[in-house]
Amino acid sequence: MKKKLIIDCVFLFLIGCITSLSLPPYNYFFVNFFTFTSIFIFLIKKAKIHKKKNLFFFYGWIFGFGFFMTNLYWISFSLTFDENFKFLIPLTLLLIPAFLSIFFGLIFLLFIIFKSKKLISSFLIFSLLFSILEFLRGSILTGFPWNLIAYSFSDQLRILSIISIIGTYGFNLLCISLFTSPALIILRDSKKGLIVCFTFLIGFILFYIYGFYYEKKFISLEKKFFDYKIRLIGSNISLDRFYLNVDPSSILEELIKISNPVSEEKTIFVWPEGILPTFSQDQISSFGKIIEENFSRNHLFIIGSNTEIRDKGSKKFFNSLSVYDNKLNLLSSYNKVKLVPFGEFLPFEKVLKRLGLKSLTNNYQSFSRGEERKIINIEKKNFSLKILPLICYEIIYSGKLFEKADFDFIVNISEDGWFGGSIGPKQHFSHSILRAIESGKYVIRSSNNGIASIINPLGVSEQIVDSGQSGYLDLNEINKIQPTIFSKFKNKIFGLLIFLYILLIFSFNKIENE
């Protein structure tokens, strides 16, 4: 019995590892047909043998551990920059996958509890439970919706066009169903299984066809021209500036060189997140001279900076996106709402500080959470623009970024150097692609040590500065596209798909009982 359990655990762990190959940057989505079909058959077979339901939670946890350990290992890279955190690297490699795997354990356990005697209904229940628990993973506590199965298709842009209607979570549900459906043929319960399998396959072919026509429609749209440029910067400035007391003036000079400002050209410059880490909003004015020497009244800046606010005798610090003119007058600002645990704030800070720990990106204390995300309206002579500000990994949240789509662009600034030379920056970038398609908006992404790009509503990177490189990208025209169906209804559409699946489950049960 113990030998069989060990074999089962090794099998599930390896299946989890193989599933990771379907995600960016590899995108071998076809492996999911093998892994998800194998998981479903495994559960159906084992349910007939094991009476202890708790064992299935352990099975799901093992599968999840293999999955998350192999696609989130890069998180530990952020701990290599500070000697105080290096002892946590082994724990990070194990504890984060161990925690996230709980959701997969619950998927397996709940499936065994609620599975039907009818194969097709069980198949639908499995897909439904998997997608709902993935949604909860992206919502509970601060939420971490990273590496949903839907991202297997992040380089299949025509298929992904469907998320402009159903969103990422809705698409994730259908992906799980597609990848699991071959099990219905292998288990050969009835001809209905074959029909269901081909229905999902044909459905994705229709998604591709829809994407083809969606692309043609987008290309034929009227152009909107701006009488100014939006110039976003991709830089490759080392994170050593956080720890080696690097002169911020030298960093600013490097940014200016990359930005290549021309006095007569009306330009909004977009610089990366926290690019001047030791300077807050009220200190940036000390760079007035160097800015005046290189920029004119035809220039504005969008830059990641820290904000310090005094509140009832105490100090609060925020990770902010700020808009300045060439005199370094602050025109508008946004304080980040979704903070990274341990990166930007230290949970249980009073206790953990005694152990010598602090947040990675802030040497003085944890960042505070901004109150709400508002559209930034830039109205100044020569410029008129509305942007949705997103800082770093705020871009990963589907359906929770805005209430109304009355803005021109999504501006995402990021510092990806914390991921090192791992697959992390490429996974992070893939989220920007899906947000562009969902919202029907151009995503303007400026990154240090990561990928900077102009991503259109088809998910196509029209221009790109790859990680490890420095350069700038200019945007002064866009295709005039209407808000997407998803941008209007958001995850309510996922709720409708859940309701549809529940109806199908009861319908198949009724049909097969007659």
Protein backbone atom coordinates (compact mmCIF):
# COMPACT_ATOMS: atom_id res chain seq x y z
CA MET A 1 0.00 0.00 0.00
CA LYS A 2 2.80 2.42 0.94
CA LYS A 3 4.67 1.56 -2.25
CA LYS A 4 1.58 2.35 -4.35
CA LEU A 5 1.10 5.64 -2.51
CA ILE A 6 4.71 6.63 -3.20
CA ILE A 7 4.28 5.78 -6.89
CA ASP A 8 1.06 7.84 -7.02
CA CYS A 9 2.78 10.81 -5.40
CA VAL A 10 5.77 10.68 -7.75
CA PHE A 11 3.37 10.44 -10.70
CA LEU A 12 1.32 13.46 -9.59
CA PHE A 13 4.40 15.52 -8.76
CA LEU A 14 5.83 14.87 -12.23
CA ILE A 15 2.49 15.66 -13.85
CA GLY A 16 2.56 19.01 -12.02
CA CYS A 17 6.09 19.70 -13.25
CA ILE A 18 5.18 18.83 -16.85
CA THR A 19 2.12 21.10 -16.72
CA SER A 20 4.46 24.03 -16.02
CA LEU A 21 5.88 23.63 -19.52
CA SER A 22 2.56 24.84 -20.90
CA LEU A 23 3.08 28.28 -19.32
CA PRO A 24 5.17 31.25 -20.51
CA PRO A 25 7.83 31.45 -21.72
CA TYR A 26 7.54 27.88 -23.12
CA ASN A 27 3.82 27.75 -24.00
CA TYR A 28 3.80 24.04 -24.89
CA PHE A 29 0.03 24.07 -24.35
CA PHE A 30 -0.40 20.62 -25.90
CA VAL A 31 1.16 18.96 -22.83
CA ASN A 32 -1.99 19.88 -20.92
CA PHE A 33 -3.99 17.39 -22.97
CA PHE A 34 -1.80 14.70 -21.46
CA THR A 35 -1.57 16.08 -17.91
CA PHE A 36 -5.21 17.06 -17.34
CA THR A 37 -6.53 13.92 -19.00
CA SER A 38 -4.20 11.86 -16.81
CA ILE A 39 -5.31 13.68 -13.65
CA PHE A 40 -9.00 13.14 -14.38
CA ILE A 41 -8.56 9.45 -15.19
CA PHE A 42 -6.41 9.06 -12.07
CA LEU A 43 -9.15 10.56 -9.89
CA ILE A 44 -11.92 8.48 -11.44
CA LYS A 45 -9.93 5.25 -11.00
CA LYS A 46 -8.74 6.03 -7.47
CA ALA A 47 -12.24 7.05 -6.34
CA LYS A 48 -13.29 3.42 -6.85
CA ILE A 49 -10.45 2.14 -4.65
CA HIS A 50 -9.96 4.65 -1.82
CA LYS A 51 -12.73 5.34 0.67
CA LYS A 52 -10.71 7.93 2.59
CA LYS A 53 -11.56 11.24 0.95
CA ASN A 54 -8.84 13.14 2.85
CA LEU A 55 -6.23 11.28 0.81
CA PHE A 56 -7.41 13.13 -2.30
CA PHE A 57 -6.57 16.48 -0.74
CA PHE A 58 -3.00 15.18 -0.37
CA TYR A 59 -3.02 14.00 -4.00
CA GLY A 60 -4.06 17.46 -5.20
CA TRP A 61 -1.51 19.12 -2.96
CA ILE A 62 1.31 16.98 -4.43
CA PHE A 63 0.23 17.84 -7.98
CA GLY A 64 0.08 21.54 -7.08
CA PHE A 65 3.46 21.42 -5.36
CA GLY A 66 5.12 20.07 -8.51
CA PHE A 67 3.31 22.69 -10.56
CA PHE A 68 4.08 25.77 -8.48
CA MET A 69 7.60 24.78 -7.48
CA THR A 70 8.67 24.58 -11.12
CA ASN A 71 7.00 27.75 -12.38
CA LEU A 72 7.41 30.08 -9.38
CA TYR A 73 10.99 29.25 -8.34
CA TRP A 74 12.05 32.68 -9.58
CA ILE A 75 10.44 34.39 -6.56
CA SER A 76 13.48 33.33 -4.53
CA PHE A 77 15.70 35.49 -6.80
CA SER A 78 14.37 38.59 -5.03
CA LEU A 79 15.96 37.36 -1.80
CA THR A 80 19.48 37.29 -3.23
CA PHE A 81 19.95 41.07 -3.08
CA ASP A 82 19.94 41.42 0.70
CA GLU A 83 22.07 39.29 3.01
CA ASN A 84 19.34 39.43 5.67
CA PHE A 85 16.97 37.50 3.41
CA LYS A 86 19.25 34.85 1.92
CA PHE A 87 18.50 32.35 4.67
CA LEU A 88 14.86 32.44 3.52
CA ILE A 89 15.63 31.23 -0.02
CA PRO A 90 15.16 27.49 0.74
CA LEU A 91 11.98 28.28 2.67
CA THR A 92 10.64 30.39 -0.20
CA LEU A 93 11.26 27.60 -2.70
CA LEU A 94 9.13 25.31 -0.54
CA LEU A 95 6.66 27.41 1.45
CA ILE A 96 5.10 29.46 -1.37
CA PRO A 97 4.37 26.37 -3.54
CA ALA A 98 3.21 24.55 -0.39
CA PHE A 99 0.69 27.29 0.39
CA LEU A 100 -0.63 27.71 -3.16
CA SER A 101 -0.93 23.93 -3.51
CA ILE A 102 -3.67 23.99 -0.87
CA PHE A 103 -6.03 25.28 -3.57
CA PHE A 104 -5.25 22.27 -5.77
CA GLY A 105 -5.72 19.97 -2.79
CA LEU A 106 -9.18 21.46 -2.29
CA ILE A 107 -9.98 20.94 -5.98
CA PHE A 108 -9.25 17.21 -5.75
CA LEU A 109 -11.05 16.81 -2.42
CA LEU A 110 -14.19 18.69 -3.49
CA PHE A 111 -14.28 16.77 -6.75
CA ILE A 112 -14.36 13.44 -4.89
CA ILE A 113 -17.11 14.77 -2.63
CA PHE A 114 -19.32 16.15 -5.40
CA LYS A 115 -18.47 13.96 -8.40
CA SER A 116 -21.39 12.32 -10.16
CA LYS A 117 -21.91 8.69 -11.05
CA LYS A 118 -22.23 9.96 -14.61
CA LEU A 119 -18.92 10.50 -16.38
CA ILE A 120 -19.81 13.65 -18.35
CA SER A 121 -21.29 15.33 -15.30
CA SER A 122 -18.13 14.46 -13.34
CA PHE A 123 -16.04 15.96 -16.12
CA LEU A 124 -18.03 19.21 -15.95
CA ILE A 125 -17.81 19.25 -12.13
CA PHE A 126 -14.03 18.83 -12.29
CA SER A 127 -13.65 21.73 -14.75
CA LEU A 128 -16.00 23.91 -12.73
CA LEU A 129 -14.30 23.27 -9.39
CA PHE A 130 -10.85 23.80 -10.85
CA SER A 131 -11.80 27.16 -12.36
CA ILE A 132 -13.64 28.38 -9.24
CA LEU A 133 -10.71 27.52 -6.95
CA GLU A 134 -8.37 29.28 -9.37
CA PHE A 135 -10.61 32.34 -9.12
CA LEU A 136 -10.46 32.14 -5.32
CA ARG A 137 -6.66 31.85 -5.47
CA GLY A 138 -6.66 35.19 -7.28
CA SER A 139 -8.99 36.78 -4.74
CA ILE A 140 -8.33 35.50 -1.19
CA LEU A 141 -6.05 37.64 1.00
CA THR A 142 -4.24 39.89 -1.50
CA GLY A 143 -4.84 37.33 -4.25
CA PHE A 144 -2.22 35.78 -6.50
CA PRO A 145 -3.78 34.91 -9.91
CA TRP A 146 -0.41 34.05 -11.43
CA ASN A 147 -0.04 31.21 -13.96
CA LEU A 148 -3.65 30.27 -14.56
CA ILE A 149 -3.95 27.47 -17.10
CA ALA A 150 -5.37 30.05 -19.54
CA TYR A 151 -1.85 31.51 -19.91
CA SER A 152 -0.91 28.38 -21.86
CA PHE A 153 -2.37 30.21 -24.85
CA SER A 154 -0.61 33.54 -24.23
CA ASP A 155 1.18 33.30 -27.57
CA GLN A 156 -1.95 32.15 -29.47
CA LEU A 157 -3.38 35.63 -29.87
CA ARG A 158 -6.20 34.80 -32.27
CA ILE A 159 -7.59 32.23 -29.85
CA LEU A 160 -7.10 34.69 -26.99
CA SER A 161 -9.30 37.27 -28.71
CA ILE A 162 -12.28 35.53 -27.11
CA ILE A 163 -11.28 36.94 -23.71
CA SER A 164 -12.45 40.34 -24.98
CA ILE A 165 -15.89 38.77 -24.41
CA ILE A 166 -15.54 36.16 -21.64
CA GLY A 167 -12.42 37.35 -19.79
CA THR A 168 -9.47 35.37 -18.48
CA TYR A 169 -11.37 33.39 -15.81
CA GLY A 170 -14.10 32.41 -18.27
CA PHE A 171 -11.46 31.33 -20.77
CA ASN A 172 -9.62 29.46 -18.01
CA LEU A 173 -12.76 27.38 -17.36
CA LEU A 174 -13.03 26.44 -21.03
CA CYS A 175 -9.29 25.66 -21.25
CA ILE A 176 -9.53 23.19 -18.36
CA SER A 177 -12.52 21.55 -20.04
CA LEU A 178 -10.72 21.31 -23.38
CA PHE A 179 -7.57 19.77 -21.89
CA THR A 180 -9.54 17.27 -19.79
CA SER A 181 -12.03 16.24 -22.49
CA PRO A 182 -9.89 13.46 -24.11
CA ALA A 183 -10.49 11.47 -20.91
CA LEU A 184 -14.12 11.07 -22.02
CA ILE A 185 -12.93 9.20 -25.11
CA ILE A 186 -10.37 7.11 -23.26
CA LEU A 187 -12.84 6.04 -20.56
CA ARG A 188 -15.41 5.25 -23.29
CA ASP A 189 -18.49 5.71 -21.24
CA SER A 190 -20.73 6.49 -24.21
CA LYS A 191 -20.85 8.25 -27.57
CA LYS A 192 -21.90 11.37 -25.70
CA GLY A 193 -18.34 11.66 -24.35
CA LEU A 194 -16.97 11.72 -27.88
CA ILE A 195 -19.47 14.44 -28.82
CA VAL A 196 -18.55 16.56 -25.78
CA CYS A 197 -14.83 16.24 -26.53
CA PHE A 198 -15.26 17.35 -30.14
CA THR A 199 -17.62 20.14 -29.08
CA PHE A 200 -14.86 21.75 -27.02
CA LEU A 201 -12.32 21.19 -29.79
CA ILE A 202 -14.62 22.80 -32.36
CA GLY A 203 -15.30 25.60 -29.87
CA PHE A 204 -11.63 26.54 -29.80
CA ILE A 205 -11.45 26.38 -33.58
CA LEU A 206 -14.35 28.85 -33.61
CA PHE A 207 -12.43 31.03 -31.16
CA TYR A 208 -9.56 31.08 -33.66
CA ILE A 209 -11.90 32.03 -36.50
CA TYR A 210 -13.43 34.75 -34.32
CA GLY A 211 -9.91 36.02 -33.59
CA PHE A 212 -9.16 36.15 -37.32
CA TYR A 213 -12.19 38.36 -38.01
CA TYR A 214 -11.60 40.39 -34.83
CA GLU A 215 -8.11 41.13 -36.13
CA LYS A 216 -9.40 42.15 -39.56
CA LYS A 217 -11.97 44.44 -37.96
CA PHE A 218 -9.33 46.01 -35.72
CA ILE A 219 -6.95 46.67 -38.60
CA SER A 220 -9.74 48.39 -40.58
CA LEU A 221 -10.64 50.76 -37.73
CA GLU A 222 -10.19 54.49 -38.04
CA LYS A 223 -6.90 55.83 -36.70
CA LYS A 224 -6.67 58.36 -33.90
CA PHE A 225 -3.62 60.61 -34.09
CA PHE A 226 -2.08 62.55 -31.21
CA ASP A 227 -0.20 65.78 -31.73
CA TYR A 228 2.35 64.59 -29.19
CA LYS A 229 4.38 61.45 -28.56
CA ILE A 230 4.17 59.06 -25.66
CA ARG A 231 7.73 57.78 -25.24
CA LEU A 232 8.15 54.84 -22.89
CA ILE A 233 11.52 53.79 -21.63
CA GLY A 234 12.96 50.31 -21.28
CA SER A 235 16.12 50.41 -19.18
CA ASN A 236 18.71 47.99 -17.87
CA ILE A 237 19.89 49.73 -14.71
CA SER A 238 21.25 47.40 -12.04
CA LEU A 239 19.37 46.91 -8.77
CA ASP A 240 22.66 47.51 -6.97
CA ARG A 241 21.52 51.13 -6.69
CA PHE A 242 19.30 50.02 -3.81
CA TYR A 243 22.17 48.73 -1.70
CA LEU A 244 25.41 50.39 -2.83
CA ASN A 245 24.42 54.06 -2.33
CA VAL A 246 24.67 54.75 -6.05
CA ASP A 247 24.47 58.46 -6.86
CA PRO A 248 20.90 58.96 -8.17
CA SER A 249 22.15 61.74 -10.47
CA SER A 250 24.08 59.15 -12.48
CA ILE A 251 20.90 57.06 -12.84
CA LEU A 252 18.95 60.13 -13.96
CA GLU A 253 21.64 61.00 -16.52
CA GLU A 254 21.42 57.47 -17.91
CA LEU A 255 17.62 57.74 -18.14
CA ILE A 256 17.91 61.07 -19.95
CA LYS A 257 20.37 59.57 -22.41
CA ILE A 258 17.99 56.68 -23.13
CA SER A 259 15.02 59.09 -23.39
CA ASN A 260 16.76 61.22 -26.04
CA PRO A 261 14.59 64.35 -25.52
CA VAL A 262 14.17 66.85 -28.36
CA SER A 263 13.16 70.33 -27.21
CA GLU A 264 10.66 71.04 -30.02
CA GLU A 265 8.90 67.66 -29.88
CA LYS A 266 5.86 67.45 -27.60
CA THR A 267 6.50 64.29 -25.59
CA ILE A 268 5.22 62.50 -22.50
CA PHE A 269 8.04 60.35 -21.11
CA VAL A 270 7.12 57.19 -19.21
CA TRP A 271 9.89 55.99 -16.88
CA PRO A 272 9.90 52.72 -14.90
CA GLU A 273 8.75 51.99 -11.36
CA GLY A 274 10.94 53.19 -8.47
CA ILE A 275 13.78 54.14 -10.80
CA LEU A 276 15.08 56.68 -8.21
CA PRO A 277 14.49 54.56 -5.10
CA THR A 278 15.99 56.84 -2.46
CA PHE A 279 14.02 59.91 -3.53
CA SER A 280 10.40 60.67 -2.71
CA GLN A 281 8.05 63.07 -4.49
CA ASP A 282 9.03 66.08 -2.39
CA GLN A 283 12.76 65.44 -2.94
CA ILE A 284 12.71 65.11 -6.73
CA SER A 285 12.79 68.91 -7.05
CA SER A 286 16.51 68.68 -6.19
CA PHE A 287 17.02 67.43 -9.75
CA GLY A 288 15.52 70.64 -11.16
CA LYS A 289 18.73 71.86 -12.74
CA ILE A 290 19.52 68.70 -14.69
CA ILE A 291 15.89 68.45 -15.84
CA GLU A 292 15.78 72.08 -17.02
CA GLU A 293 19.01 71.59 -18.96
CA ASN A 294 17.59 68.62 -20.91
CA PHE A 295 13.83 69.15 -21.14
CA SER A 296 11.49 71.91 -22.28
CA ARG A 297 7.91 73.03 -21.69
CA ASN A 298 6.96 70.56 -24.43
CA HIS A 299 7.72 67.68 -22.08
CA LEU A 300 5.91 65.84 -19.28
CA PHE A 301 7.06 62.87 -17.18
CA ILE A 302 5.32 59.81 -15.80
CA ILE A 303 7.66 58.23 -13.28
CA GLY A 304 7.60 55.73 -10.45
CA SER A 305 8.52 57.39 -7.15
CA ASN A 306 7.95 57.03 -3.43
CA THR A 307 5.57 59.28 -1.53
CA GLU A 308 5.97 60.23 2.13
CA ILE A 309 2.93 61.45 4.06
CA ARG A 310 2.70 62.43 7.72
CA ASP A 311 -0.45 61.14 9.37
CA LYS A 312 -1.22 61.83 13.05
CA GLY A 313 2.43 62.11 13.98
CA SER A 314 3.55 59.00 12.07
CA LYS A 315 4.96 58.59 8.58
CA LYS A 316 3.36 56.62 5.78
CA PHE A 317 5.17 55.65 2.60
CA PHE A 318 3.53 54.80 -0.72
CA ASN A 319 4.75 53.29 -3.98
CA SER A 320 3.49 55.92 -6.42
CA LEU A 321 3.12 56.76 -10.08
CA SER A 322 3.60 60.51 -10.47
CA VAL A 323 3.13 62.97 -13.32
CA TYR A 324 5.42 66.02 -13.53
CA ASP A 325 6.00 68.90 -15.91
CA ASN A 326 9.47 70.05 -16.97
CA LYS A 327 9.67 72.31 -13.89
CA LEU A 328 9.06 69.21 -11.75
CA ASN A 329 5.69 70.51 -10.61
CA LEU A 330 3.58 67.53 -9.51
CA LEU A 331 0.49 67.40 -11.76
CA SER A 332 -1.07 64.17 -10.53
CA SER A 333 -0.26 61.06 -8.55
CA TYR A 334 -1.51 57.53 -7.84
CA ASN A 335 -0.60 55.40 -4.81
CA LYS A 336 -0.37 51.67 -5.48
CA VAL A 337 -3.35 49.69 -4.17
CA LYS A 338 -2.16 46.09 -4.59
CA LEU A 339 1.11 45.63 -2.68
CA VAL A 340 3.48 42.67 -2.88
CA PRO A 341 3.77 40.79 0.46
CA PHE A 342 7.38 40.86 1.75
CA GLY A 343 8.39 42.85 -1.34
CA GLU A 344 6.56 46.07 -0.49
CA PHE A 345 5.10 45.38 2.91
CA LEU A 346 6.07 43.04 5.72
CA PRO A 347 3.16 41.01 7.12
CA PHE A 348 3.20 40.95 10.94
CA GLU A 349 5.78 43.73 10.70
CA LYS A 350 6.14 44.38 14.44
CA VAL A 351 7.07 40.74 15.08
CA LEU A 352 9.21 40.08 12.01
CA LYS A 353 11.17 43.31 12.37
CA ARG A 354 12.55 41.95 15.62
CA LEU A 355 14.04 39.10 13.58
CA GLY A 356 15.86 41.62 11.41
CA LEU A 357 13.46 41.43 8.46
CA LYS A 358 12.13 44.32 6.39
CA SER A 359 10.35 44.80 3.09
CA LEU A 360 12.69 44.25 0.15
CA THR A 361 11.99 47.39 -1.86
CA ASN A 362 11.82 49.87 0.97
CA ASN A 363 14.66 50.36 3.43
CA TYR A 364 12.73 52.33 6.05
CA GLN A 365 9.35 50.63 6.58
CA SER A 366 6.55 48.89 4.72
CA PHE A 367 4.66 50.75 2.06
CA SER A 368 1.07 51.65 2.88
CA ARG A 369 -1.79 50.70 0.59
CA GLY A 370 -3.38 53.40 -1.56
CA GLU A 371 -7.08 54.04 -1.00
CA GLU A 372 -8.38 53.52 -4.54
CA ARG A 373 -7.33 53.47 -8.16
CA LYS A 374 -8.55 56.49 -10.12
CA ILE A 375 -8.14 57.50 -13.73
CA ILE A 376 -5.43 60.14 -14.07
CA ASN A 377 -6.60 63.01 -16.24
CA ILE A 378 -3.64 64.90 -17.70
CA GLU A 379 -4.85 68.31 -18.87
CA LYS A 380 -2.07 70.78 -19.57
CA LYS A 381 -1.15 73.04 -22.45
CA ASN A 382 -0.13 70.83 -25.39
CA PHE A 383 -1.46 67.68 -23.69
CA SER A 384 -4.81 66.00 -23.06
CA LEU A 385 -4.79 62.38 -21.92
CA LYS A 386 -6.57 59.95 -19.58
CA ILE A 387 -4.61 56.97 -18.27
CA LEU A 388 -5.30 54.01 -16.00
CA PRO A 389 -2.21 53.71 -13.76
CA LEU A 390 -0.96 50.25 -12.80
CA ILE A 391 2.26 49.69 -10.89
CA CYS A 392 4.16 46.43 -11.35
CA TYR A 393 2.10 43.34 -10.61
CA GLU A 394 -1.22 45.20 -10.39
CA ILE A 395 -1.46 44.24 -14.06
CA ILE A 396 -2.11 40.59 -13.11
CA TYR A 397 -5.65 41.11 -11.79
CA SER A 398 -8.41 40.31 -14.26
CA GLY A 399 -11.71 42.19 -14.02
CA LYS A 400 -10.68 44.23 -10.97
CA LEU A 401 -8.74 47.11 -12.47
CA PHE A 402 -11.39 49.70 -13.34
CA GLU A 403 -15.10 50.42 -13.11
CA LYS A 404 -15.53 52.44 -16.32
CA ALA A 405 -13.40 52.24 -19.45
CA ASP A 406 -13.35 56.01 -20.04
CA PHE A 407 -9.58 56.31 -20.43
CA ASP A 408 -7.13 56.29 -23.34
CA PHE A 409 -4.39 53.89 -22.23
CA ILE A 410 -3.30 51.53 -19.50
CA VAL A 411 0.10 52.71 -18.26
CA ASN A 412 2.02 49.96 -16.48
CA ILE A 413 5.39 50.77 -14.91
CA SER A 414 7.49 47.98 -13.44
CA GLU A 415 10.81 46.98 -11.91
CA ASP A 416 11.49 43.39 -12.98
CA GLY A 417 15.08 43.24 -11.76
CA TRP A 418 13.91 41.43 -8.63
CA PHE A 419 13.25 38.37 -10.81
CA GLY A 420 16.86 38.15 -12.01
CA GLY A 421 17.50 36.40 -15.30
CA SER A 422 14.68 33.92 -14.67
CA ILE A 423 11.41 33.26 -16.49
CA GLY A 424 9.66 35.69 -14.10
CA PRO A 425 9.82 38.82 -16.33
CA LYS A 426 8.37 36.91 -19.29
CA GLN A 427 5.52 35.54 -17.19
CA HIS A 428 4.88 39.05 -15.87
CA PHE A 429 4.79 40.43 -19.40
CA SER A 430 2.24 37.80 -20.51
CA HIS A 431 -0.27 39.29 -18.05
CA SER A 432 -0.01 42.63 -19.86
CA ILE A 433 -1.01 40.90 -23.10
CA LEU A 434 -4.20 39.47 -21.60
CA ARG A 435 -5.16 42.77 -19.92
CA ALA A 436 -4.84 44.57 -23.27
CA ILE A 437 -7.19 42.08 -24.98
CA GLU A 438 -9.69 42.03 -22.11
CA SER A 439 -9.95 45.81 -21.84
CA GLY A 440 -9.66 46.67 -25.53
CA LYS A 441 -7.04 49.25 -24.57
CA TYR A 442 -3.43 49.78 -25.53
CA VAL A 443 -1.07 48.85 -22.70
CA ILE A 444 2.00 51.07 -22.44
CA ARG A 445 4.54 49.17 -20.38
CA SER A 446 7.76 50.74 -19.13
CA SER A 447 10.12 48.42 -17.30
CA ASN A 448 13.57 48.40 -15.80
CA ASN A 449 15.34 45.02 -16.21
CA GLY A 450 12.23 43.65 -17.91
CA ILE A 451 10.22 43.91 -21.11
CA ALA A 452 8.98 47.34 -22.22
CA SER A 453 6.35 47.32 -24.93
CA ILE A 454 3.41 48.96 -26.66
CA ILE A 455 0.72 46.26 -26.71
CA ASN A 456 -2.38 46.81 -28.82
CA PRO A 457 -5.89 45.46 -28.02
CA LEU A 458 -5.17 42.33 -30.08
CA GLY A 459 -2.35 41.49 -27.66
CA VAL A 460 0.26 42.23 -30.32
CA SER A 461 3.46 43.92 -29.18
CA GLU A 462 3.72 46.63 -31.81
CA GLN A 463 7.09 47.71 -30.44
CA ILE A 464 9.30 46.14 -27.80
CA VAL A 465 12.50 46.65 -25.80
CA ASP A 466 13.47 43.23 -24.54
CA SER A 467 14.82 42.49 -21.07
CA GLY A 468 18.55 43.18 -20.76
CA GLN A 469 18.32 46.02 -23.27
CA SER A 470 17.79 49.77 -23.09
CA GLY A 471 15.84 51.97 -25.48
CA TYR A 472 12.65 53.90 -26.06
CA LEU A 473 9.38 53.33 -27.91
CA ASP A 474 7.17 56.07 -29.37
CA LEU A 475 3.39 56.03 -29.70
CA ASN A 476 1.42 58.81 -31.39
CA GLU A 477 -1.41 56.94 -33.13
CA ILE A 478 -3.87 54.19 -32.22
CA ASN A 479 -6.80 52.35 -33.74
CA LYS A 480 -10.08 53.71 -32.34
CA ILE A 481 -11.69 50.66 -30.74
CA GLN A 482 -14.89 50.51 -28.69
CA PRO A 483 -14.85 49.11 -25.13
CA THR A 484 -14.99 45.31 -25.08
CA ILE A 485 -17.93 43.30 -23.76
CA PHE A 486 -15.71 42.10 -20.92
CA SER A 487 -14.72 45.65 -19.95
CA LYS A 488 -18.43 46.41 -19.44
CA PHE A 489 -19.49 43.29 -17.52
CA LYS A 490 -16.16 41.95 -16.19
CA ASN A 491 -16.27 38.72 -14.14
CA LYS A 492 -20.07 38.64 -14.16
CA ILE A 493 -19.53 36.75 -17.43
CA PHE A 494 -17.52 34.13 -15.55
CA GLY A 495 -20.48 33.86 -13.19
CA LEU A 496 -22.81 33.23 -16.15
CA LEU A 497 -20.51 30.46 -17.41
CA ILE A 498 -20.56 28.87 -13.95
CA PHE A 499 -24.37 28.94 -14.04
CA LEU A 500 -24.32 27.38 -17.55
CA TYR A 501 -22.04 24.57 -16.36
CA ILE A 502 -24.33 23.86 -13.41
CA LEU A 503 -27.31 23.62 -15.79
CA LEU A 504 -25.35 21.24 -18.03
CA ILE A 505 -24.40 19.06 -15.05
CA PHE A 506 -28.03 18.63 -14.04
CA SER A 507 -29.09 18.18 -17.66
CA PHE A 508 -26.60 15.37 -18.34
CA ASN A 509 -27.56 13.69 -15.09
CA LYS A 510 -31.21 13.80 -16.10
CA ILE A 511 -30.56 12.59 -19.67
CA GLU A 512 -28.41 9.66 -18.53
CA ASN A 513 -30.95 8.65 -15.88
CA GLU A 514 -33.76 8.40 -18.40
